[in-house]
Structures are given as C-alpha cells and as structure tokens.
PDB file of N, CA and C in Angstrom:
ATOM      1  N   MET A   1     191.362 291.049 188.815  1.00  0.00           N
ATOM      2  CA  MET A   1     190.119 291.686 189.209  1.00  0.00           C
ATOM      3  C   MET A   1     188.988 291.075 188.388  1.00  0.00           C
ATOM      4  N   ILE A   2     187.806 291.011 189.015  1.00  0.00           N
ATOM      5  CA  ILE A   2     186.635 290.474 188.334  1.00  0.00           C
ATOM      6  C   ILE A   2     185.518 291.514 188.339  1.00  0.00           C
ATOM      7  N   ALA A   3     184.570 291.325 187.433  1.00  0.00           N
ATOM      8  CA  ALA A   3     183.363 292.148 187.391  1.00  0.00           C
ATOM      9  C   ALA A   3     182.166 291.215 187.377  1.00  0.00           C
ATOM     10  N   ILE A   4     181.172 291.538 188.176  1.00  0.00           N
ATOM     11  CA  ILE A   4     179.926 290.787 188.204  1.00  0.00           C
ATOM     12  C   ILE A   4     178.885 291.657 187.510  1.00  0.00           C
ATOM     13  N   LEU A   5     178.273 291.116 186.457  1.00  0.00           N
ATOM     14  CA  LEU A   5     177.308 291.863 185.653  1.00  0.00           C
ATOM     15  C   LEU A   5     175.889 291.450 186.030  1.00  0.00           C
ATOM     16  N   TRP A   6     175.090 292.447 186.418  1.00  0.00           N
ATOM     17  CA  TRP A   6     173.689 292.229 186.790  1.00  0.00           C
ATOM     18  C   TRP A   6     172.794 293.002 185.833  1.00  0.00           C
ATOM     19  N   GLU A   7     171.627 292.439 185.528  1.00  0.00           N
ATOM     20  CA  GLU A   7     170.633 293.097 184.679  1.00  0.00           C
ATOM     21  C   GLU A   7     169.350 293.284 185.480  1.00  0.00           C
ATOM     22  N   TYR A   8     168.729 294.455 185.318  1.00  0.00           N
ATOM     23  CA  TYR A   8     167.507 294.787 186.045  1.00  0.00           C
ATOM     24  C   TYR A   8     166.458 295.336 185.081  1.00  0.00           C
ATOM     25  N   SER A   9     165.219 294.990 185.336  1.00  0.00           N
ATOM     26  CA  SER A   9     164.083 295.612 184.672  1.00  0.00           C
ATOM     27  C   SER A   9     163.384 296.438 185.747  1.00  0.00           C
ATOM     28  N   VAL A  10     163.530 297.752 185.646  1.00  0.00           N
ATOM     29  CA  VAL A  10     163.067 298.655 186.700  1.00  0.00           C
ATOM     30  C   VAL A  10     161.658 299.153 186.384  1.00  0.00           C
ATOM     31  N   LEU A  11     160.798 299.114 187.378  1.00  0.00           N
ATOM     32  CA  LEU A  11     159.437 299.615 187.224  1.00  0.00           C
ATOM     33  C   LEU A  11     159.482 301.126 187.015  1.00  0.00           C
ATOM     34  N   SER A  12     158.705 301.624 186.057  1.00  0.00           N
ATOM     35  CA  SER A  12     158.790 303.035 185.657  1.00  0.00           C
ATOM     36  C   SER A  12     158.574 303.997 186.815  1.00  0.00           C
ATOM     37  N   GLU A  13     157.715 303.640 187.748  1.00  0.00           N
ATOM     38  CA  GLU A  13     157.440 304.539 188.869  1.00  0.00           C
ATOM     39  C   GLU A  13     158.559 304.550 189.916  1.00  0.00           C
ATOM     40  N   HIS A  14     159.553 303.688 189.741  1.00  0.00           N
ATOM     41  CA  HIS A  14     160.632 303.595 190.728  1.00  0.00           C
ATOM     42  C   HIS A  14     162.022 303.891 190.158  1.00  0.00           C
ATOM     43  N   VAL A  15     162.077 304.452 188.957  1.00  0.00           N
ATOM     44  CA  VAL A  15     163.369 304.694 188.302  1.00  0.00           C
ATOM     45  C   VAL A  15     164.279 305.577 189.153  1.00  0.00           C
ATOM     46  N   ALA A  16     163.778 306.705 189.626  1.00  0.00           N
ATOM     47  CA  ALA A  16     164.621 307.627 190.404  1.00  0.00           C
ATOM     48  C   ALA A  16     165.135 306.966 191.678  1.00  0.00           C
ATOM     49  N   GLU A  17     164.272 306.229 192.358  1.00  0.00           N
ATOM     50  CA  GLU A  17     164.685 305.552 193.593  1.00  0.00           C
ATOM     51  C   GLU A  17     165.705 304.451 193.296  1.00  0.00           C
ATOM     52  N   PHE A  18     165.477 303.703 192.216  1.00  0.00           N
ATOM     53  CA  PHE A  18     166.430 302.663 191.818  1.00  0.00           C
ATOM     54  C   PHE A  18     167.803 303.284 191.563  1.00  0.00           C
ATOM     55  N   GLU A  19     167.841 304.356 190.780  1.00  0.00           N
ATOM     56  CA  GLU A  19     169.118 305.006 190.471  1.00  0.00           C
ATOM     57  C   GLU A  19     169.801 305.490 191.740  1.00  0.00           C
ATOM     58  N   ARG A  20     169.033 305.976 192.686  1.00  0.00           N
ATOM     59  CA  ARG A  20     169.609 306.456 193.949  1.00  0.00           C
ATOM     60  C   ARG A  20     170.265 305.317 194.741  1.00  0.00           C
ATOM     61  N   HIS A  21     169.677 304.140 194.725  1.00  0.00           N
ATOM     62  CA  HIS A  21     170.227 303.005 195.471  1.00  0.00           C
ATOM     63  C   HIS A  21     171.376 302.302 194.744  1.00  0.00           C
ATOM     64  N   TYR A  22     171.388 302.366 193.408  1.00  0.00           N
ATOM     65  CA  TYR A  22     172.335 301.562 192.638  1.00  0.00           C
ATOM     66  C   TYR A  22     173.449 302.368 191.967  1.00  0.00           C
ATOM     67  N   ASP A  23     173.416 303.696 192.032  1.00  0.00           N
ATOM     68  CA  ASP A  23     174.471 304.463 191.362  1.00  0.00           C
ATOM     69  C   ASP A  23     175.782 304.409 192.151  1.00  0.00           C
ATOM     70  N   SER A  24     176.783 305.105 191.651  1.00  0.00           N
ATOM     71  CA  SER A  24     178.143 304.985 192.203  1.00  0.00           C
ATOM     72  C   SER A  24     178.307 305.570 193.604  1.00  0.00           C
ATOM     73  N   SER A  25     177.268 306.201 194.122  1.00  0.00           N
ATOM     74  CA  SER A  25     177.315 306.680 195.509  1.00  0.00           C
ATOM     75  C   SER A  25     176.096 306.197 196.294  1.00  0.00           C
ATOM     76  N   GLY A  26     175.427 305.179 195.772  1.00  0.00           N
ATOM     77  CA  GLY A  26     174.179 304.706 196.346  1.00  0.00           C
ATOM     78  C   GLY A  26     174.328 303.721 197.494  1.00  0.00           C
ATOM     79  N   THR A  27     173.201 303.219 197.914  1.00  0.00           N
ATOM     80  CA  THR A  27     173.100 302.319 199.063  1.00  0.00           C
ATOM     81  C   THR A  27     173.992 301.098 198.935  1.00  0.00           C
ATOM     82  N   TRP A  28     173.964 300.453 197.761  1.00  0.00           N
ATOM     83  CA  TRP A  28     174.784 299.249 197.575  1.00  0.00           C
ATOM     84  C   TRP A  28     176.272 299.567 197.630  1.00  0.00           C
ATOM     85  N   VAL A  29     176.677 300.659 197.028  1.00  0.00           N
ATOM     86  CA  VAL A  29     178.097 301.032 197.037  1.00  0.00           C
ATOM     87  C   VAL A  29     178.554 301.347 198.456  1.00  0.00           C
ATOM     88  N   ILE A  30     177.755 302.062 199.202  1.00  0.00           N
ATOM     89  CA  ILE A  30     178.104 302.362 200.596  1.00  0.00           C
ATOM     90  C   ILE A  30     178.291 301.065 201.379  1.00  0.00           C
ATOM     91  N   PHE A  31     177.411 300.112 201.151  1.00  0.00           N
ATOM     92  CA  PHE A  31     177.511 298.812 201.818  1.00  0.00           C
ATOM     93  C   PHE A  31     178.783 298.078 201.400  1.00  0.00           C
ATOM     94  N   PHE A  32     179.007 297.947 200.090  1.00  0.00           N
ATOM     95  CA  PHE A  32     180.157 297.185 199.603  1.00  0.00           C
ATOM     96  C   PHE A  32     181.498 297.845 199.933  1.00  0.00           C
ATOM     97  N   ARG A  33     181.519 299.156 200.105  1.00  0.00           N
ATOM     98  CA  ARG A  33     182.780 299.852 200.412  1.00  0.00           C
ATOM     99  C   ARG A  33     183.390 299.426 201.745  1.00  0.00           C
ATOM    100  N   LYS A  34     182.654 298.713 202.541  1.00  0.00           N
ATOM    101  CA  LYS A  34     183.196 298.178 203.788  1.00  0.00           C
ATOM    102  C   LYS A  34     184.250 297.111 203.519  1.00  0.00           C
ATOM    103  N   ALA A  35     184.273 296.589 202.298  1.00  0.00           N
ATOM    104  CA  ALA A  35     185.217 295.530 201.917  1.00  0.00           C
ATOM    105  C   ALA A  35     186.419 296.121 201.196  1.00  0.00           C
ATOM    106  N   ALA A  36     187.612 295.787 201.662  1.00  0.00           N
ATOM    107  CA  ALA A  36     188.836 296.252 200.999  1.00  0.00           C
ATOM    108  C   ALA A  36     188.958 295.687 199.590  1.00  0.00           C
ATOM    109  N   ALA A  37     188.327 294.547 199.332  1.00  0.00           N
ATOM    110  CA  ALA A  37     188.421 293.880 198.029  1.00  0.00           C
ATOM    111  C   ALA A  37     187.444 294.442 196.995  1.00  0.00           C
ATOM    112  N   TYR A  38     186.607 295.386 197.394  1.00  0.00           N
ATOM    113  CA  TYR A  38     185.618 295.995 196.491  1.00  0.00           C
ATOM    114  C   TYR A  38     186.237 297.207 195.809  1.00  0.00           C
ATOM    115  N   HIS A  39     185.995 297.340 194.495  1.00  0.00           N
ATOM    116  CA  HIS A  39     186.603 298.431 193.728  1.00  0.00           C
ATOM    117  C   HIS A  39     185.602 299.291 192.976  1.00  0.00           C
ATOM    118  N   GLY A  40     184.339 299.211 193.319  1.00  0.00           N
ATOM    119  CA  GLY A  40     183.367 300.117 192.730  1.00  0.00           C
ATOM    120  C   GLY A  40     182.317 299.442 191.869  1.00  0.00           C
ATOM    121  N   THR A  41     181.285 300.229 191.592  1.00  0.00           N
ATOM    122  CA  THR A  41     180.162 299.785 190.774  1.00  0.00           C
ATOM    123  C   THR A  41     179.900 300.821 189.698  1.00  0.00           C
ATOM    124  N   VAL A  42     179.599 300.341 188.503  1.00  0.00           N
ATOM    125  CA  VAL A  42     179.185 301.199 187.397  1.00  0.00           C
ATOM    126  C   VAL A  42     177.727 300.870 187.102  1.00  0.00           C
ATOM    127  N   LEU A  43     176.873 301.891 187.074  1.00  0.00           N
ATOM    128  CA  LEU A  43     175.465 301.723 186.731  1.00  0.00           C
ATOM    129  C   LEU A  43     175.272 302.145 185.284  1.00  0.00           C
ATOM    130  N   LEU A  44     174.640 301.274 184.500  1.00  0.00           N
ATOM    131  CA  LEU A  44     174.383 301.534 183.082  1.00  0.00           C
ATOM    132  C   LEU A  44     172.881 301.548 182.833  1.00  0.00           C
ATOM    133  N   ARG A  45     172.410 302.553 182.066  1.00  0.00           N
ATOM    134  CA  ARG A  45     171.001 302.630 181.675  1.00  0.00           C
ATOM    135  C   ARG A  45     170.924 302.403 180.172  1.00  0.00           C
ATOM    136  N   ASP A  46     170.097 301.469 179.740  1.00  0.00           N
ATOM    137  CA  ASP A  46     169.936 301.155 178.322  1.00  0.00           C
ATOM    138  C   ASP A  46     169.353 302.368 177.601  1.00  0.00           C
ATOM    139  N   ALA A  47     169.999 302.794 176.524  1.00  0.00           N
ATOM    140  CA  ALA A  47     169.558 303.966 175.772  1.00  0.00           C
ATOM    141  C   ALA A  47     168.309 303.683 174.943  1.00  0.00           C
ATOM    142  N   ASP A  48     168.043 302.421 174.650  1.00  0.00           N
ATOM    143  CA  ASP A  48     166.922 302.065 173.774  1.00  0.00           C
ATOM    144  C   ASP A  48     165.742 301.410 174.487  1.00  0.00           C
ATOM    145  N   THR A  49     165.974 300.815 175.637  1.00  0.00           N
ATOM    146  CA  THR A  49     164.917 300.080 176.338  1.00  0.00           C
ATOM    147  C   THR A  49     164.643 300.733 177.689  1.00  0.00           C
ATOM    148  N   PRO A  50     163.527 301.466 177.803  1.00  0.00           N
ATOM    149  CA  PRO A  50     163.213 302.108 179.081  1.00  0.00           C
ATOM    150  C   PRO A  50     163.135 301.086 180.218  1.00  0.00           C
ATOM    151  N   GLY A  51     163.731 301.447 181.341  1.00  0.00           N
ATOM    152  CA  GLY A  51     163.681 300.598 182.519  1.00  0.00           C
ATOM    153  C   GLY A  51     164.725 299.504 182.579  1.00  0.00           C
ATOM    154  N   ARG A  52     165.521 299.364 181.527  1.00  0.00           N
ATOM    155  CA  ARG A  52     166.557 298.319 181.535  1.00  0.00           C
ATOM    156  C   ARG A  52     167.870 298.932 182.024  1.00  0.00           C
ATOM    157  N   TYR A  53     168.417 298.323 183.059  1.00  0.00           N
ATOM    158  CA  TYR A  53     169.670 298.774 183.662  1.00  0.00           C
ATOM    159  C   TYR A  53     170.606 297.590 183.847  1.00  0.00           C
ATOM    160  N   MET A  54     171.889 297.907 183.963  1.00  0.00           N
ATOM    161  CA  MET A  54     172.889 296.907 184.316  1.00  0.00           C
ATOM    162  C   MET A  54     173.851 297.531 185.317  1.00  0.00           C
ATOM    163  N   THR A  55     174.398 296.683 186.167  1.00  0.00           N
ATOM    164  CA  THR A  55     175.481 297.121 187.043  1.00  0.00           C
ATOM    165  C   THR A  55     176.683 296.215 186.822  1.00  0.00           C
ATOM    166  N   LEU A  56     177.851 296.804 186.960  1.00  0.00           N
ATOM    167  CA  LEU A  56     179.126 296.083 186.953  1.00  0.00           C
ATOM    168  C   LEU A  56     179.770 296.326 188.307  1.00  0.00           C
ATOM    169  N   ASP A  57     179.860 295.285 189.108  1.00  0.00           N
ATOM    170  CA  ASP A  57     180.497 295.368 190.422  1.00  0.00           C
ATOM    171  C   ASP A  57     181.912 294.817 190.307  1.00  0.00           C
ATOM    172  N   HIS A  58     182.899 295.604 190.698  1.00  0.00           N
ATOM    173  CA  HIS A  58     184.303 295.205 190.575  1.00  0.00           C
ATOM    174  C   HIS A  58     184.875 294.774 191.926  1.00  0.00           C
ATOM    175  N   TRP A  59     185.473 293.569 191.928  1.00  0.00           N
ATOM    176  CA  TRP A  59     186.043 292.970 193.137  1.00  0.00           C
ATOM    177  C   TRP A  59     187.397 292.356 192.808  1.00  0.00           C
ATOM    178  N   ASN A  60     188.216 292.173 193.842  1.00  0.00           N
ATOM    179  CA  ASN A  60     189.490 291.465 193.645  1.00  0.00           C
ATOM    180  C   ASN A  60     189.259 290.066 193.106  1.00  0.00           C
ATOM    181  N   SER A  61     188.246 289.385 193.652  1.00  0.00           N
ATOM    182  CA  SER A  61     187.949 288.004 193.252  1.00  0.00           C
ATOM    183  C   SER A  61     186.504 287.685 193.612  1.00  0.00           C
ATOM    184  N   PHE A  62     185.982 286.640 192.997  1.00  0.00           N
ATOM    185  CA  PHE A  62     184.630 286.207 193.327  1.00  0.00           C
ATOM    186  C   PHE A  62     184.583 285.677 194.756  1.00  0.00           C
ATOM    187  N   ASP A  63     185.642 285.022 195.190  1.00  0.00           N
ATOM    188  CA  ASP A  63     185.705 284.531 196.573  1.00  0.00           C
ATOM    189  C   ASP A  63     185.594 285.676 197.569  1.00  0.00           C
ATOM    190  N   ALA A  64     186.252 286.802 197.264  1.00  0.00           N
ATOM    191  CA  ALA A  64     186.183 287.967 198.150  1.00  0.00           C
ATOM    192  C   ALA A  64     184.754 288.501 198.225  1.00  0.00           C
ATOM    193  N   TYR A  65     184.087 288.551 197.083  1.00  0.00           N
ATOM    194  CA  TYR A  65     182.685 288.988 197.040  1.00  0.00           C
ATOM    195  C   TYR A  65     181.808 288.056 197.873  1.00  0.00           C
ATOM    196  N   GLN A  66     181.931 286.765 197.644  1.00  0.00           N
ATOM    197  CA  GLN A  66     181.124 285.789 198.374  1.00  0.00           C
ATOM    198  C   GLN A  66     181.393 285.840 199.879  1.00  0.00           C
ATOM    199  N   SER A  67     182.650 285.953 200.248  1.00  0.00           N
ATOM    200  CA  SER A  67     183.001 286.021 201.672  1.00  0.00           C
ATOM    201  C   SER A  67     182.375 287.240 202.332  1.00  0.00           C
ATOM    202  N   PHE A  68     182.465 288.385 201.653  1.00  0.00           N
ATOM    203  CA  PHE A  68     181.885 289.606 202.200  1.00  0.00           C
ATOM    204  C   PHE A  68     180.376 289.451 202.375  1.00  0.00           C
ATOM    205  N   CYS A  69     179.709 288.933 201.349  1.00  0.00           N
ATOM    206  CA  CYS A  69     178.253 288.770 201.419  1.00  0.00           C
ATOM    207  C   CYS A  69     177.849 287.792 202.512  1.00  0.00           C
ATOM    208  N   THR A  70     178.632 286.760 202.714  1.00  0.00           N
ATOM    209  CA  THR A  70     178.350 285.790 203.772  1.00  0.00           C
ATOM    210  C   THR A  70     178.540 286.426 205.149  1.00  0.00           C
ATOM    211  N   GLU A  71     179.636 287.163 205.313  1.00  0.00           N
ATOM    212  CA  GLU A  71     179.934 287.807 206.598  1.00  0.00           C
ATOM    213  C   GLU A  71     178.916 288.888 206.954  1.00  0.00           C
ATOM    214  N   HIS A  72     178.320 289.507 205.938  1.00  0.00           N
ATOM    215  CA  HIS A  72     177.372 290.604 206.148  1.00  0.00           C
ATOM    216  C   HIS A  72     175.981 290.233 205.620  1.00  0.00           C
ATOM    217  N   GLU A  73     175.635 288.970 205.780  1.00  0.00           N
ATOM    218  CA  GLU A  73     174.398 288.444 205.183  1.00  0.00           C
ATOM    219  C   GLU A  73     173.144 289.186 205.635  1.00  0.00           C
ATOM    220  N   ALA A  74     173.031 289.497 206.901  1.00  0.00           N
ATOM    221  CA  ALA A  74     171.825 290.165 207.401  1.00  0.00           C
ATOM    222  C   ALA A  74     171.636 291.528 206.742  1.00  0.00           C
ATOM    223  N   GLU A  75     172.712 292.306 206.653  1.00  0.00           N
ATOM    224  CA  GLU A  75     172.603 293.627 206.031  1.00  0.00           C
ATOM    225  C   GLU A  75     172.355 293.502 204.533  1.00  0.00           C
ATOM    226  N   TYR A  76     173.009 292.535 203.885  1.00  0.00           N
ATOM    227  CA  TYR A  76     172.785 292.295 202.456  1.00  0.00           C
ATOM    228  C   TYR A  76     171.303 291.997 202.210  1.00  0.00           C
ATOM    229  N   ARG A  77     170.743 291.102 203.002  1.00  0.00           N
ATOM    230  CA  ARG A  77     169.332 290.725 202.833  1.00  0.00           C
ATOM    231  C   ARG A  77     168.399 291.909 203.101  1.00  0.00           C
ATOM    232  N   ARG A  78     168.746 292.744 204.069  1.00  0.00           N
ATOM    233  CA  ARG A  78     167.921 293.918 204.373  1.00  0.00           C
ATOM    234  C   ARG A  78     167.883 294.872 203.189  1.00  0.00           C
ATOM    235  N   ILE A  79     169.049 295.170 202.612  1.00  0.00           N
ATOM    236  CA  ILE A  79     169.111 296.077 201.463  1.00  0.00           C
ATOM    237  C   ILE A  79     168.410 295.452 200.260  1.00  0.00           C
ATOM    238  N   ASP A  80     168.652 294.170 200.036  1.00  0.00           N
ATOM    239  CA  ASP A  80     168.036 293.471 198.911  1.00  0.00           C
ATOM    240  C   ASP A  80     166.509 293.501 199.025  1.00  0.00           C
ATOM    241  N   ALA A  81     165.988 293.265 200.210  1.00  0.00           N
ATOM    242  CA  ALA A  81     164.538 293.296 200.424  1.00  0.00           C
ATOM    243  C   ALA A  81     163.984 294.701 200.210  1.00  0.00           C
ATOM    244  N   MET A  82     164.717 295.711 200.661  1.00  0.00           N
ATOM    245  CA  MET A  82     164.295 297.093 200.499  1.00  0.00           C
ATOM    246  C   MET A  82     164.205 297.472 199.018  1.00  0.00           C
ATOM    247  N   CYS A  83     165.104 296.938 198.195  1.00  0.00           N
ATOM    248  CA  CYS A  83     165.170 297.291 196.777  1.00  0.00           C
ATOM    249  C   CYS A  83     164.334 296.375 195.880  1.00  0.00           C
ATOM    250  N   ALA A  84     163.855 295.273 196.408  1.00  0.00           N
ATOM    251  CA  ALA A  84     163.136 294.283 195.593  1.00  0.00           C
ATOM    252  C   ALA A  84     161.897 294.859 194.912  1.00  0.00           C
ATOM    253  N   SER A  85     161.209 295.765 195.568  1.00  0.00           N
ATOM    254  CA  SER A  85     159.971 296.312 195.003  1.00  0.00           C
ATOM    255  C   SER A  85     160.215 297.306 193.868  1.00  0.00           C
ATOM    256  N   LEU A  86     161.470 297.644 193.617  1.00  0.00           N
ATOM    257  CA  LEU A  86     161.798 298.620 192.571  1.00  0.00           C
ATOM    258  C   LEU A  86     161.882 297.994 191.189  1.00  0.00           C
ATOM    259  N   THR A  87     161.995 296.678 191.137  1.00  0.00           N
ATOM    260  CA  THR A  87     162.238 295.994 189.867  1.00  0.00           C
ATOM    261  C   THR A  87     161.195 294.920 189.578  1.00  0.00           C
ATOM    262  N   ALA A  88     161.007 294.673 188.271  1.00  0.00           N
ATOM    263  CA  ALA A  88     160.170 293.552 187.834  1.00  0.00           C
ATOM    264  C   ALA A  88     161.010 292.290 187.757  1.00  0.00           C
ATOM    265  N   SER A  89     162.314 292.470 187.510  1.00  0.00           N
ATOM    266  CA  SER A  89     163.220 291.318 187.451  1.00  0.00           C
ATOM    267  C   SER A  89     164.649 291.766 187.722  1.00  0.00           C
ATOM    268  N   GLU A  90     165.436 290.797 188.154  1.00  0.00           N
ATOM    269  CA  GLU A  90     166.863 291.002 188.436  1.00  0.00           C
ATOM    270  C   GLU A  90     167.551 289.673 188.160  1.00  0.00           C
ATOM    271  N   ARG A  91     168.662 289.733 187.431  1.00  0.00           N
ATOM    272  CA  ARG A  91     169.398 288.482 187.214  1.00  0.00           C
ATOM    273  C   ARG A  91     170.877 288.763 187.008  1.00  0.00           C
ATOM    274  N   CYS A  92     171.656 287.831 187.470  1.00  0.00           N
ATOM    275  CA  CYS A  92     173.101 287.905 187.288  1.00  0.00           C
ATOM    276  C   CYS A  92     173.418 287.339 185.909  1.00  0.00           C
ATOM    277  N   LEU A  93     174.091 288.140 185.084  1.00  0.00           N
ATOM    278  CA  LEU A  93     174.435 287.712 183.730  1.00  0.00           C
ATOM    279  C   LEU A  93     175.782 287.020 183.664  1.00  0.00           C
ATOM    280  N   GLY A  94     176.586 287.167 184.719  1.00  0.00           N
ATOM    281  CA  GLY A  94     177.841 286.444 184.721  1.00  0.00           C
ATOM    282  C   GLY A  94     178.947 287.126 185.483  1.00  0.00           C
ATOM    283  N   LEU A  95     180.015 286.377 185.565  1.00  0.00           N
ATOM    284  CA  LEU A  95     181.240 286.787 186.237  1.00  0.00           C
ATOM    285  C   LEU A  95     182.312 286.911 185.161  1.00  0.00           C
ATOM    286  N   PHE A  96     182.989 288.057 185.110  1.00  0.00           N
ATOM    287  CA  PHE A  96     183.948 288.331 184.050  1.00  0.00           C
ATOM    288  C   PHE A  96     185.295 288.722 184.634  1.00  0.00           C
ATOM    289  N   THR A  97     186.354 288.347 183.953  1.00  0.00           N
ATOM    290  CA  THR A  97     187.697 288.775 184.312  1.00  0.00           C
ATOM    291  C   THR A  97     187.952 290.125 183.654  1.00  0.00           C
ATOM    292  N   VAL A  98     188.415 291.096 184.429  1.00  0.00           N
ATOM    293  CA  VAL A  98     188.742 292.409 183.893  1.00  0.00           C
ATOM    294  C   VAL A  98     190.136 292.328 183.284  1.00  0.00           C
ATOM    295  N   LEU A  99     190.256 292.691 182.022  1.00  0.00           N
ATOM    296  CA  LEU A  99     191.547 292.624 181.325  1.00  0.00           C
ATOM    297  C   LEU A  99     192.269 293.956 181.378  1.00  0.00           C
TER     298      LEU A  99
END
C-alpha cells in the first residue's frame, strides 16, 4: 500500500469549506471511493500554523491511483477546479510506502 502526501495553504475565509471537501467523508473521498484500490484519506490540520493542512491518500499502488484519475479525468478536473479557490497553494510532497 502507498500513501500520497499533499500539503495545502488554505485561505482563512475558506477553512470550513476546505475541511468539508477534504475530510474523511468529503467530496474527494466520495469521488475516490469509486475505486476498489482506494483505502481512504486522512486530513491533518497543523496545530501551529493556521491554514496549513495535509492529506494522506491511501491506495494499493501509485499505478492504481494514476489509472483511476485518468479514467475519471473530467470529474477529477471538475472537483479540482471547484476546490482551487479555497487554497493559496497546493503541492504534492511525495509518494510513500506504508509499512
């Protein structure tokens, strides 16, 4: 199993909406649950830096993640565009093997 770690800088006026879309029952999780290879997302809020969040997306493999995103590209882009205004920045910090 792998985990993909993402970091976000969330605009203060959009914190509640961001949490609603990115938490363990949010928009992204509902979308990714269509894939049998998806095993959940953990949303983390930085205790010291307001607006800093991270997500850990768990998948069987990176190939499974990429295949799903390619097969569902239109919906992925729609959700991504909808959420883009909630953050000042978003970046993938890496792909990790779950031990």
